[in-house]
Amino acid sequence: MRLAVFGASGGTGRLLVARAATAGHQVVAVVRDPARLGVVAPGVTVLPADVTDRAAVAAAVRDCDAVVSLLGPGAVRGPTTVRGDATATVVAAMRDTGVRRLVVVTAAGHTTAGDGPLVRFLLKPLLSALLRHSFADMRRTEEIVRGSGLDWTLVRPPRLTDGPATGTYRTAVDRNVRGGLRLSRADLSDVVLRCVESAPGRVVAVAY
């Protein structure tokens, strides 16, 4: 499989690129600064691109079997549309090139379905107040993905850590993992790669 990864130089992105290459996939690692990606494994093509440039994004995804977006909000304070704008560009580029499989990572923080009372009524309201601008951009991102007409999957992890891969995480479809408050980036990279290879049209939450 040929896989384009946006946000490849981030914490989860680097792990996903390495995992996918080890599994035998061809990876196009799309980054703004190639130096941040570090050591590049065999089978990985590093492609510098601005994710707001539709032509550059189209060149990155062309001839790929699937696209993964691990794009975050960046170092933005106050109202932001960074993630949503980038997602809209990726979706448009995929339509231009006929690529259909899309996996986008957002977060479980902006939703409460499946959460227990403590998380739903205490933790999530506090989190939503603190991250309201980022969450608004995240909700817009998900709306763009859902309305894209592509074969999409949304992946919602909780707070991410730099812990090791365990392979013992839990998943839930269309709701959060009850009591799941953290996940390592290593395990998230495993989930994302599995989602690329699974049936589309689902929201997959994952946590310990």
N, C-alpha and C. Protein backbone atom coordinates (compact mmCIF):
# COMPACT_ATOMS: atom_id res chain seq x y z
N MET A 1 0.84 -1.20 0.00
CA MET A 1 0.00 0.00 0.00
C MET A 1 0.88 1.24 0.00
N ARG A 2 0.46 2.25 -0.75
CA ARG A 2 1.15 3.54 -0.76
C ARG A 2 0.34 4.50 0.09
N LEU A 3 0.98 5.07 1.09
CA LEU A 3 0.30 5.83 2.12
C LEU A 3 0.90 7.22 2.25
N ALA A 4 0.06 8.27 2.16
CA ALA A 4 0.52 9.64 2.40
C ALA A 4 0.18 10.02 3.83
N VAL A 5 1.16 10.54 4.56
CA VAL A 5 0.97 10.91 5.96
C VAL A 5 1.23 12.40 6.13
N PHE A 6 0.20 13.14 6.53
CA PHE A 6 0.34 14.56 6.84
C PHE A 6 0.53 14.71 8.34
N GLY A 7 1.44 15.61 8.73
CA GLY A 7 1.82 15.68 10.14
C GLY A 7 2.83 14.61 10.48
N ALA A 8 3.62 14.21 9.50
CA ALA A 8 4.54 13.09 9.67
C ALA A 8 5.69 13.40 10.61
N SER A 9 5.99 14.67 10.85
CA SER A 9 7.12 15.00 11.72
C SER A 9 6.70 15.17 13.17
N GLY A 10 5.42 15.02 13.48
CA GLY A 10 4.96 15.11 14.85
C GLY A 10 5.26 13.84 15.63
N GLY A 11 4.92 13.85 16.93
CA GLY A 11 5.23 12.72 17.79
C GLY A 11 4.62 11.42 17.31
N THR A 12 3.34 11.46 16.97
CA THR A 12 2.68 10.25 16.45
C THR A 12 3.06 10.00 15.00
N GLY A 13 3.24 11.06 14.24
CA GLY A 13 3.56 10.92 12.82
C GLY A 13 4.84 10.16 12.58
N ARG A 14 5.89 10.49 13.32
CA ARG A 14 7.17 9.79 13.14
C ARG A 14 7.02 8.30 13.44
N LEU A 15 6.25 7.98 14.47
CA LEU A 15 6.04 6.58 14.83
C LEU A 15 5.23 5.85 13.76
N LEU A 16 4.21 6.53 13.23
CA LEU A 16 3.39 5.91 12.19
C LEU A 16 4.19 5.66 10.92
N VAL A 17 4.99 6.63 10.53
CA VAL A 17 5.82 6.47 9.34
C VAL A 17 6.74 5.26 9.49
N ALA A 18 7.40 5.15 10.64
CA ALA A 18 8.31 4.02 10.88
C ALA A 18 7.55 2.70 10.91
N ARG A 19 6.39 2.68 11.57
CA ARG A 19 5.61 1.45 11.66
C ARG A 19 5.12 1.01 10.29
N ALA A 20 4.62 1.95 9.51
CA ALA A 20 4.11 1.61 8.18
C ALA A 20 5.22 1.11 7.27
N ALA A 21 6.38 1.74 7.33
CA ALA A 21 7.51 1.31 6.51
C ALA A 21 7.97 -0.09 6.92
N THR A 22 8.01 -0.35 8.22
CA THR A 22 8.40 -1.67 8.71
C THR A 22 7.42 -2.75 8.25
N ALA A 23 6.14 -2.36 8.13
CA ALA A 23 5.11 -3.30 7.68
C ALA A 23 5.14 -3.52 6.17
N GLY A 24 6.03 -2.81 5.48
CA GLY A 24 6.18 -3.02 4.04
C GLY A 24 5.44 -2.05 3.16
N HIS A 25 4.85 -1.00 3.76
CA HIS A 25 4.14 -0.02 2.96
C HIS A 25 5.10 1.03 2.40
N GLN A 26 4.73 1.61 1.28
CA GLN A 26 5.43 2.76 0.75
C GLN A 26 4.80 4.01 1.38
N VAL A 27 5.62 4.89 1.94
CA VAL A 27 5.10 6.03 2.69
C VAL A 27 5.60 7.34 2.09
N VAL A 28 4.66 8.26 1.86
CA VAL A 28 5.00 9.62 1.49
C VAL A 28 4.80 10.47 2.75
N ALA A 29 5.89 10.88 3.36
CA ALA A 29 5.84 11.66 4.60
C ALA A 29 5.81 13.14 4.23
N VAL A 30 4.65 13.76 4.42
CA VAL A 30 4.46 15.16 4.04
C VAL A 30 4.76 16.05 5.24
N VAL A 31 5.75 16.92 5.10
CA VAL A 31 6.20 17.74 6.22
C VAL A 31 6.48 19.16 5.74
N ARG A 32 6.45 20.08 6.68
CA ARG A 32 6.88 21.44 6.37
C ARG A 32 8.39 21.56 6.43
N ASP A 33 8.98 20.91 7.45
CA ASP A 33 10.43 20.97 7.65
C ASP A 33 10.98 19.54 7.69
N PRO A 34 11.64 19.07 6.64
CA PRO A 34 12.15 17.69 6.59
C PRO A 34 13.12 17.37 7.72
N ALA A 35 13.82 18.38 8.24
CA ALA A 35 14.80 18.13 9.30
C ALA A 35 14.14 17.61 10.57
N ARG A 36 12.87 17.92 10.77
CA ARG A 36 12.17 17.48 11.99
C ARG A 36 11.80 16.00 11.96
N LEU A 37 11.84 15.40 10.78
CA LEU A 37 11.44 14.00 10.67
C LEU A 37 12.49 13.05 11.21
N GLY A 38 13.76 13.47 11.18
CA GLY A 38 14.83 12.61 11.68
C GLY A 38 15.23 11.56 10.67
N VAL A 39 15.62 10.39 11.16
CA VAL A 39 16.08 9.30 10.31
C VAL A 39 14.93 8.77 9.48
N VAL A 40 15.17 8.61 8.19
CA VAL A 40 14.14 8.15 7.27
C VAL A 40 14.38 6.68 6.92
N ALA A 41 13.37 5.85 7.12
CA ALA A 41 13.50 4.42 6.85
C ALA A 41 13.39 4.14 5.36
N PRO A 42 13.90 3.01 4.91
CA PRO A 42 13.71 2.60 3.52
C PRO A 42 12.22 2.52 3.20
N GLY A 43 11.86 2.94 1.99
CA GLY A 43 10.47 2.92 1.59
C GLY A 43 9.72 4.20 1.91
N VAL A 44 10.43 5.18 2.51
CA VAL A 44 9.80 6.45 2.89
C VAL A 44 10.31 7.56 1.99
N THR A 45 9.39 8.28 1.37
CA THR A 45 9.71 9.47 0.58
C THR A 45 9.31 10.70 1.37
N VAL A 46 10.24 11.60 1.61
CA VAL A 46 9.94 12.82 2.35
C VAL A 46 9.60 13.92 1.35
N LEU A 47 8.43 14.53 1.54
CA LEU A 47 7.96 15.54 0.60
C LEU A 47 7.59 16.82 1.35
N PRO A 48 8.42 17.86 1.24
CA PRO A 48 8.07 19.13 1.86
C PRO A 48 6.87 19.75 1.14
N ALA A 49 5.89 20.21 1.89
CA ALA A 49 4.71 20.81 1.28
C ALA A 49 3.98 21.66 2.30
N ASP A 50 3.36 22.71 1.80
CA ASP A 50 2.47 23.55 2.61
C ASP A 50 1.07 22.95 2.51
N VAL A 51 0.48 22.59 3.64
CA VAL A 51 -0.81 21.89 3.62
C VAL A 51 -1.96 22.80 3.21
N THR A 52 -1.69 24.08 3.00
CA THR A 52 -2.74 24.97 2.47
C THR A 52 -2.61 25.15 0.96
N ASP A 53 -1.59 24.53 0.37
CA ASP A 53 -1.35 24.62 -1.07
C ASP A 53 -1.98 23.40 -1.75
N ARG A 54 -3.12 23.60 -2.39
CA ARG A 54 -3.88 22.48 -2.95
C ARG A 54 -3.08 21.71 -4.00
N ALA A 55 -2.33 22.42 -4.83
CA ALA A 55 -1.55 21.74 -5.87
C ALA A 55 -0.44 20.90 -5.25
N ALA A 56 0.23 21.43 -4.22
CA ALA A 56 1.30 20.68 -3.56
C ALA A 56 0.75 19.46 -2.84
N VAL A 57 -0.42 19.61 -2.22
CA VAL A 57 -1.04 18.48 -1.53
C VAL A 57 -1.48 17.42 -2.54
N ALA A 58 -2.02 17.87 -3.67
CA ALA A 58 -2.43 16.93 -4.72
C ALA A 58 -1.23 16.13 -5.22
N ALA A 59 -0.09 16.78 -5.36
CA ALA A 59 1.12 16.08 -5.80
C ALA A 59 1.54 15.03 -4.77
N ALA A 60 1.30 15.32 -3.48
CA ALA A 60 1.69 14.39 -2.42
C ALA A 60 0.79 13.16 -2.39
N VAL A 61 -0.51 13.34 -2.62
CA VAL A 61 -1.45 12.22 -2.48
C VAL A 61 -1.66 11.43 -3.77
N ARG A 62 -1.25 12.00 -4.88
CA ARG A 62 -1.47 11.34 -6.18
C ARG A 62 -0.86 9.93 -6.17
N ASP A 63 -1.63 8.97 -6.66
CA ASP A 63 -1.23 7.56 -6.76
C ASP A 63 -1.12 6.86 -5.40
N CYS A 64 -1.61 7.50 -4.34
CA CYS A 64 -1.61 6.83 -3.03
C CYS A 64 -2.90 6.02 -2.87
N ASP A 65 -2.81 4.99 -2.06
CA ASP A 65 -3.98 4.16 -1.76
C ASP A 65 -4.77 4.71 -0.58
N ALA A 66 -4.11 5.47 0.28
CA ALA A 66 -4.77 6.03 1.45
C ALA A 66 -4.01 7.25 1.93
N VAL A 67 -4.72 8.11 2.66
CA VAL A 67 -4.14 9.33 3.22
C VAL A 67 -4.46 9.36 4.71
N VAL A 68 -3.46 9.70 5.52
CA VAL A 68 -3.65 9.86 6.96
C VAL A 68 -3.30 11.29 7.35
N SER A 69 -4.17 11.93 8.12
CA SER A 69 -3.89 13.26 8.62
C SER A 69 -3.74 13.21 10.13
N LEU A 70 -2.57 13.61 10.59
CA LEU A 70 -2.27 13.74 12.02
C LEU A 70 -2.02 15.20 12.36
N LEU A 71 -2.58 16.08 11.57
CA LEU A 71 -2.33 17.51 11.72
C LEU A 71 -2.98 18.04 13.00
N GLY A 72 -2.23 18.84 13.72
CA GLY A 72 -2.74 19.47 14.93
C GLY A 72 -3.00 20.94 14.70
N PRO A 73 -3.38 21.66 15.76
CA PRO A 73 -3.70 23.08 15.62
C PRO A 73 -2.49 23.98 15.51
N GLY A 74 -1.29 23.43 15.80
CA GLY A 74 -0.10 24.27 15.80
C GLY A 74 -0.06 25.14 17.04
N ALA A 75 0.93 26.01 17.10
CA ALA A 75 1.09 26.90 18.26
C ALA A 75 0.20 28.13 18.07
N VAL A 76 -1.09 27.93 18.14
CA VAL A 76 -2.04 29.01 17.88
C VAL A 76 -2.81 29.32 19.16
N ARG A 77 -2.87 30.59 19.53
CA ARG A 77 -3.67 31.02 20.67
C ARG A 77 -4.89 31.78 20.15
N GLY A 78 -6.00 31.60 20.80
CA GLY A 78 -7.21 32.28 20.37
C GLY A 78 -7.89 31.52 19.25
N PRO A 79 -8.88 32.11 18.62
CA PRO A 79 -9.63 31.45 17.55
C PRO A 79 -8.70 30.98 16.44
N THR A 80 -8.94 29.78 15.95
CA THR A 80 -8.08 29.21 14.91
C THR A 80 -8.89 28.36 13.94
N THR A 81 -8.47 28.33 12.71
CA THR A 81 -9.08 27.46 11.69
C THR A 81 -8.00 26.62 11.01
N VAL A 82 -6.84 26.52 11.65
CA VAL A 82 -5.67 25.88 11.03
C VAL A 82 -5.95 24.43 10.63
N ARG A 83 -6.45 23.66 11.57
CA ARG A 83 -6.67 22.24 11.31
C ARG A 83 -7.78 22.05 10.26
N GLY A 84 -8.88 22.79 10.42
CA GLY A 84 -9.98 22.66 9.48
C GLY A 84 -9.59 23.09 8.07
N ASP A 85 -8.85 24.18 7.96
CA ASP A 85 -8.42 24.66 6.64
C ASP A 85 -7.52 23.63 5.96
N ALA A 86 -6.59 23.06 6.72
CA ALA A 86 -5.69 22.05 6.16
C ALA A 86 -6.46 20.81 5.72
N THR A 87 -7.44 20.41 6.54
CA THR A 87 -8.25 19.24 6.19
C THR A 87 -9.06 19.49 4.93
N ALA A 88 -9.60 20.68 4.79
CA ALA A 88 -10.35 21.03 3.59
C ALA A 88 -9.47 20.95 2.35
N THR A 89 -8.22 21.38 2.48
CA THR A 89 -7.28 21.31 1.36
C THR A 89 -6.96 19.86 1.01
N VAL A 90 -6.73 19.04 2.02
CA VAL A 90 -6.44 17.62 1.78
C VAL A 90 -7.61 16.94 1.09
N VAL A 91 -8.83 17.21 1.56
CA VAL A 91 -10.03 16.61 0.96
C VAL A 91 -10.17 17.04 -0.50
N ALA A 92 -9.97 18.32 -0.76
CA ALA A 92 -10.08 18.81 -2.14
C ALA A 92 -9.02 18.17 -3.04
N ALA A 93 -7.80 18.03 -2.53
CA ALA A 93 -6.72 17.42 -3.31
C ALA A 93 -7.00 15.94 -3.58
N MET A 94 -7.60 15.27 -2.62
CA MET A 94 -7.95 13.86 -2.82
C MET A 94 -9.02 13.73 -3.90
N ARG A 95 -9.98 14.61 -3.89
CA ARG A 95 -11.00 14.59 -4.95
C ARG A 95 -10.36 14.85 -6.31
N ASP A 96 -9.41 15.80 -6.34
CA ASP A 96 -8.75 16.13 -7.61
C ASP A 96 -8.01 14.92 -8.19
N THR A 97 -7.47 14.08 -7.32
CA THR A 97 -6.60 12.99 -7.77
C THR A 97 -7.28 11.62 -7.73
N GLY A 98 -8.52 11.58 -7.25
CA GLY A 98 -9.25 10.32 -7.23
C GLY A 98 -8.87 9.38 -6.11
N VAL A 99 -8.17 9.88 -5.09
CA VAL A 99 -7.82 9.07 -3.92
C VAL A 99 -8.99 9.12 -2.94
N ARG A 100 -9.41 7.97 -2.41
CA ARG A 100 -10.65 7.94 -1.63
C ARG A 100 -10.48 7.62 -0.15
N ARG A 101 -9.46 6.87 0.23
CA ARG A 101 -9.36 6.42 1.63
C ARG A 101 -8.68 7.47 2.49
N LEU A 102 -9.37 7.92 3.53
CA LEU A 102 -8.88 9.00 4.39
C LEU A 102 -9.08 8.62 5.86
N VAL A 103 -8.01 8.72 6.64
CA VAL A 103 -8.08 8.54 8.09
C VAL A 103 -7.57 9.82 8.74
N VAL A 104 -8.40 10.40 9.60
CA VAL A 104 -8.06 11.67 10.25
C VAL A 104 -8.11 11.49 11.76
N VAL A 105 -7.06 11.90 12.44
CA VAL A 105 -6.99 11.82 13.90
C VAL A 105 -7.41 13.16 14.48
N THR A 106 -8.41 13.14 15.37
CA THR A 106 -8.80 14.35 16.10
C THR A 106 -8.53 14.08 17.59
N ALA A 107 -9.58 14.07 18.42
CA ALA A 107 -9.40 13.78 19.85
C ALA A 107 -10.74 13.50 20.48
N ALA A 108 -10.70 12.79 21.60
CA ALA A 108 -11.93 12.45 22.31
C ALA A 108 -12.43 13.58 23.21
N GLY A 109 -11.60 14.59 23.42
CA GLY A 109 -11.92 15.62 24.39
C GLY A 109 -13.15 16.46 24.09
N HIS A 110 -13.48 16.62 22.81
CA HIS A 110 -14.58 17.52 22.47
C HIS A 110 -15.93 16.81 22.40
N THR A 111 -15.99 15.52 22.75
CA THR A 111 -17.25 14.78 22.75
C THR A 111 -17.44 14.10 24.10
N THR A 112 -18.70 13.74 24.42
CA THR A 112 -18.98 13.11 25.71
C THR A 112 -19.71 11.78 25.58
N ALA A 113 -20.12 11.39 24.39
CA ALA A 113 -20.85 10.13 24.22
C ALA A 113 -20.00 8.97 24.72
N GLY A 114 -20.56 8.17 25.63
CA GLY A 114 -19.86 7.03 26.18
C GLY A 114 -19.11 7.32 27.46
N ASP A 115 -18.94 8.60 27.82
CA ASP A 115 -18.21 8.95 29.04
C ASP A 115 -19.06 8.71 30.28
N GLY A 116 -18.38 8.45 31.40
CA GLY A 116 -19.05 8.34 32.68
C GLY A 116 -19.41 9.70 33.23
N PRO A 117 -20.20 9.77 34.32
CA PRO A 117 -20.68 11.05 34.86
C PRO A 117 -19.57 12.00 35.27
N LEU A 118 -18.50 11.50 35.90
CA LEU A 118 -17.42 12.36 36.35
C LEU A 118 -16.75 13.07 35.18
N VAL A 119 -16.47 12.31 34.13
CA VAL A 119 -15.83 12.89 32.95
C VAL A 119 -16.80 13.81 32.22
N ARG A 120 -18.04 13.38 32.07
CA ARG A 120 -19.03 14.14 31.31
C ARG A 120 -19.37 15.48 31.95
N PHE A 121 -19.54 15.48 33.28
CA PHE A 121 -20.07 16.67 33.94
C PHE A 121 -19.03 17.51 34.68
N LEU A 122 -17.83 16.98 34.86
CA LEU A 122 -16.78 17.74 35.54
C LEU A 122 -15.56 17.96 34.66
N LEU A 123 -14.95 16.87 34.21
CA LEU A 123 -13.70 17.00 33.47
C LEU A 123 -13.90 17.64 32.09
N LYS A 124 -14.87 17.16 31.33
CA LYS A 124 -15.04 17.66 29.97
C LYS A 124 -15.46 19.14 29.92
N PRO A 125 -16.36 19.62 30.81
CA PRO A 125 -16.66 21.06 30.79
C PRO A 125 -15.42 21.93 31.06
N LEU A 126 -14.57 21.50 31.99
CA LEU A 126 -13.34 22.25 32.26
C LEU A 126 -12.41 22.23 31.05
N LEU A 127 -12.29 21.08 30.45
CA LEU A 127 -11.43 20.92 29.28
C LEU A 127 -11.95 21.74 28.11
N SER A 128 -13.25 21.73 27.94
CA SER A 128 -13.87 22.47 26.83
C SER A 128 -13.68 23.98 26.99
N ALA A 129 -13.72 24.45 28.22
CA ALA A 129 -13.50 25.88 28.46
C ALA A 129 -12.05 26.27 28.18
N LEU A 130 -11.14 25.39 28.57
CA LEU A 130 -9.71 25.67 28.39
C LEU A 130 -9.30 25.60 26.92
N LEU A 131 -9.87 24.65 26.19
CA LEU A 131 -9.46 24.40 24.80
C LEU A 131 -10.58 24.72 23.81
N ARG A 132 -11.41 25.69 24.12
CA ARG A 132 -12.60 25.93 23.31
C ARG A 132 -12.28 26.27 21.86
N HIS A 133 -11.21 27.01 21.63
CA HIS A 133 -10.88 27.39 20.25
C HIS A 133 -10.37 26.17 19.46
N SER A 134 -9.51 25.41 20.08
CA SER A 134 -8.99 24.20 19.43
C SER A 134 -10.12 23.21 19.17
N PHE A 135 -11.02 23.04 20.14
CA PHE A 135 -12.13 22.11 19.98
C PHE A 135 -13.09 22.56 18.88
N ALA A 136 -13.30 23.87 18.75
CA ALA A 136 -14.16 24.38 17.68
C ALA A 136 -13.57 24.04 16.32
N ASP A 137 -12.26 24.21 16.19
CA ASP A 137 -11.58 23.86 14.95
C ASP A 137 -11.64 22.36 14.70
N MET A 138 -11.55 21.58 15.77
CA MET A 138 -11.62 20.13 15.65
C MET A 138 -13.01 19.68 15.18
N ARG A 139 -14.06 20.29 15.74
CA ARG A 139 -15.42 19.94 15.31
C ARG A 139 -15.62 20.28 13.84
N ARG A 140 -15.09 21.41 13.42
CA ARG A 140 -15.18 21.78 11.99
C ARG A 140 -14.43 20.77 11.14
N THR A 141 -13.27 20.34 11.60
CA THR A 141 -12.50 19.33 10.88
C THR A 141 -13.33 18.07 10.67
N GLU A 142 -13.98 17.61 11.73
CA GLU A 142 -14.79 16.40 11.61
C GLU A 142 -15.97 16.60 10.66
N GLU A 143 -16.57 17.79 10.68
CA GLU A 143 -17.67 18.06 9.75
C GLU A 143 -17.19 18.00 8.30
N ILE A 144 -16.00 18.52 8.05
CA ILE A 144 -15.43 18.48 6.70
C ILE A 144 -15.21 17.04 6.27
N VAL A 145 -14.66 16.23 7.17
CA VAL A 145 -14.39 14.82 6.85
C VAL A 145 -15.69 14.08 6.57
N ARG A 146 -16.68 14.26 7.45
CA ARG A 146 -17.95 13.56 7.29
C ARG A 146 -18.66 13.95 6.00
N GLY A 147 -18.51 15.19 5.59
CA GLY A 147 -19.17 15.67 4.38
C GLY A 147 -18.34 15.55 3.12
N SER A 148 -17.20 14.89 3.22
CA SER A 148 -16.24 14.85 2.11
C SER A 148 -16.68 13.96 0.95
N GLY A 149 -17.53 12.97 1.25
CA GLY A 149 -17.87 11.99 0.22
C GLY A 149 -16.79 10.95 0.01
N LEU A 150 -15.73 11.00 0.82
CA LEU A 150 -14.63 10.04 0.72
C LEU A 150 -14.89 8.85 1.64
N ASP A 151 -14.04 7.86 1.54
CA ASP A 151 -14.11 6.68 2.42
C ASP A 151 -13.31 6.99 3.68
N TRP A 152 -13.95 7.61 4.66
CA TRP A 152 -13.26 8.18 5.79
C TRP A 152 -13.37 7.35 7.06
N THR A 153 -12.42 7.57 7.95
CA THR A 153 -12.48 7.10 9.33
C THR A 153 -11.91 8.22 10.20
N LEU A 154 -12.60 8.53 11.30
CA LEU A 154 -12.11 9.47 12.29
C LEU A 154 -11.60 8.67 13.49
N VAL A 155 -10.43 9.04 13.99
CA VAL A 155 -9.85 8.37 15.16
C VAL A 155 -9.74 9.39 16.28
N ARG A 156 -10.32 9.04 17.45
CA ARG A 156 -10.34 9.96 18.59
C ARG A 156 -9.59 9.37 19.79
N PRO A 157 -8.36 9.77 20.01
CA PRO A 157 -7.63 9.34 21.21
C PRO A 157 -7.86 10.35 22.35
N PRO A 158 -7.54 9.96 23.60
CA PRO A 158 -7.55 10.90 24.72
C PRO A 158 -6.19 11.58 24.83
N ARG A 159 -5.80 11.94 26.04
CA ARG A 159 -4.48 12.57 26.24
C ARG A 159 -3.38 11.60 25.84
N LEU A 160 -2.43 12.10 25.05
CA LEU A 160 -1.36 11.25 24.53
C LEU A 160 -0.11 11.35 25.39
N THR A 161 0.58 10.22 25.50
CA THR A 161 1.83 10.15 26.26
C THR A 161 2.94 9.62 25.35
N ASP A 162 4.16 9.68 25.85
CA ASP A 162 5.30 9.14 25.11
C ASP A 162 5.69 7.74 25.60
N GLY A 163 4.73 7.05 26.20
CA GLY A 163 4.99 5.70 26.70
C GLY A 163 5.18 4.71 25.57
N PRO A 164 5.55 3.48 25.90
CA PRO A 164 5.80 2.44 24.90
C PRO A 164 4.51 1.87 24.32
N ALA A 165 4.64 1.16 23.23
CA ALA A 165 3.50 0.43 22.67
C ALA A 165 3.17 -0.73 23.60
N THR A 166 1.89 -0.93 23.87
CA THR A 166 1.46 -2.02 24.74
C THR A 166 0.58 -3.02 24.01
N GLY A 167 -0.17 -2.55 23.00
CA GLY A 167 -1.09 -3.41 22.29
C GLY A 167 -2.30 -3.82 23.10
N THR A 168 -2.48 -3.19 24.27
CA THR A 168 -3.59 -3.59 25.15
C THR A 168 -4.65 -2.49 25.30
N TYR A 169 -4.71 -1.62 24.36
CA TYR A 169 -5.71 -0.54 24.38
C TYR A 169 -7.12 -1.07 24.08
N ARG A 170 -8.10 -0.23 24.40
CA ARG A 170 -9.50 -0.54 24.09
C ARG A 170 -9.99 0.40 23.00
N THR A 171 -10.94 -0.05 22.22
CA THR A 171 -11.54 0.79 21.18
C THR A 171 -13.06 0.77 21.32
N ALA A 172 -13.70 1.80 20.79
CA ALA A 172 -15.15 1.88 20.76
C ALA A 172 -15.55 2.61 19.49
N VAL A 173 -16.68 2.24 18.94
CA VAL A 173 -17.15 2.85 17.69
C VAL A 173 -18.28 3.83 18.00
N ASP A 174 -18.12 5.06 17.50
CA ASP A 174 -19.13 6.12 17.62
C ASP A 174 -19.39 6.55 19.07
N ARG A 175 -18.47 6.28 19.97
CA ARG A 175 -18.56 6.76 21.34
C ARG A 175 -17.17 6.68 21.95
N ASN A 176 -16.96 7.42 23.04
CA ASN A 176 -15.67 7.39 23.71
C ASN A 176 -15.49 6.10 24.51
N VAL A 177 -14.24 5.77 24.80
CA VAL A 177 -13.93 4.61 25.63
C VAL A 177 -14.15 5.03 27.09
N ARG A 178 -15.11 4.43 27.75
CA ARG A 178 -15.45 4.83 29.12
C ARG A 178 -14.25 4.64 30.05
N GLY A 179 -13.90 5.71 30.76
CA GLY A 179 -12.78 5.67 31.69
C GLY A 179 -11.42 5.74 31.03
N GLY A 180 -11.38 5.88 29.72
CA GLY A 180 -10.10 5.93 29.00
C GLY A 180 -9.57 7.34 28.92
N LEU A 181 -8.55 7.65 29.70
CA LEU A 181 -8.06 9.03 29.80
C LEU A 181 -6.69 9.24 29.18
N ARG A 182 -6.04 8.18 28.74
CA ARG A 182 -4.71 8.37 28.15
C ARG A 182 -4.41 7.24 27.17
N LEU A 183 -3.39 7.48 26.35
CA LEU A 183 -2.94 6.50 25.35
C LEU A 183 -1.55 6.92 24.90
N SER A 184 -0.67 5.96 24.66
CA SER A 184 0.65 6.33 24.15
C SER A 184 0.56 6.60 22.65
N ARG A 185 1.44 7.47 22.19
CA ARG A 185 1.51 7.75 20.75
C ARG A 185 1.89 6.49 19.98
N ALA A 186 2.68 5.64 20.60
CA ALA A 186 3.06 4.39 19.95
C ALA A 186 1.84 3.52 19.69
N ASP A 187 0.95 3.40 20.67
CA ASP A 187 -0.26 2.61 20.46
C ASP A 187 -1.21 3.31 19.50
N LEU A 188 -1.25 4.64 19.53
CA LEU A 188 -2.10 5.36 18.57
C LEU A 188 -1.64 5.08 17.14
N SER A 189 -0.33 5.05 16.91
CA SER A 189 0.16 4.78 15.56
C SER A 189 -0.27 3.39 15.09
N ASP A 190 -0.34 2.44 16.01
CA ASP A 190 -0.80 1.10 15.67
C ASP A 190 -2.28 1.12 15.28
N VAL A 191 -3.08 1.83 16.07
CA VAL A 191 -4.52 1.93 15.77
C VAL A 191 -4.76 2.58 14.42
N VAL A 192 -4.04 3.65 14.15
CA VAL A 192 -4.24 4.37 12.89
C VAL A 192 -3.93 3.48 11.70
N LEU A 193 -2.83 2.75 11.77
CA LEU A 193 -2.49 1.87 10.66
C LEU A 193 -3.53 0.78 10.49
N ARG A 194 -4.05 0.25 11.58
CA ARG A 194 -5.12 -0.74 11.50
C ARG A 194 -6.38 -0.14 10.87
N CYS A 195 -6.68 1.10 11.22
CA CYS A 195 -7.87 1.76 10.66
C CYS A 195 -7.73 1.97 9.15
N VAL A 196 -6.52 2.26 8.69
CA VAL A 196 -6.30 2.41 7.25
C VAL A 196 -6.73 1.15 6.51
N GLU A 197 -6.49 0.02 7.13
CA GLU A 197 -6.74 -1.27 6.48
C GLU A 197 -8.12 -1.84 6.79
N SER A 198 -8.94 -1.11 7.57
CA SER A 198 -10.26 -1.61 7.95
C SER A 198 -11.38 -0.87 7.23
N ALA A 199 -12.62 -1.23 7.53
CA ALA A 199 -13.78 -0.65 6.85
C ALA A 199 -13.92 0.83 7.20
N PRO A 200 -14.27 1.66 6.21
CA PRO A 200 -14.43 3.10 6.45
C PRO A 200 -15.80 3.46 7.00
N GLY A 201 -16.01 4.76 7.19
CA GLY A 201 -17.31 5.27 7.61
C GLY A 201 -17.57 5.16 9.08
N ARG A 202 -16.53 5.15 9.91
CA ARG A 202 -16.71 4.98 11.34
C ARG A 202 -15.90 6.03 12.12
N VAL A 203 -16.36 6.30 13.34
CA VAL A 203 -15.59 7.07 14.31
C VAL A 203 -15.06 6.07 15.33
N VAL A 204 -13.74 5.97 15.45
CA VAL A 204 -13.13 4.99 16.33
C VAL A 204 -12.43 5.73 17.48
N ALA A 205 -12.91 5.51 18.70
CA ALA A 205 -12.23 6.03 19.88
C ALA A 205 -11.30 4.96 20.42
N VAL A 206 -10.19 5.39 21.00
CA VAL A 206 -9.20 4.43 21.51
C VAL A 206 -8.58 4.99 22.77
N ALA A 207 -8.37 4.13 23.76
CA ALA A 207 -7.76 4.54 25.03
C ALA A 207 -7.39 3.30 25.81
N TYR A 208 -6.64 3.46 26.89
CA TYR A 208 -6.36 2.34 27.80
C TYR A 208 -7.56 2.11 28.69
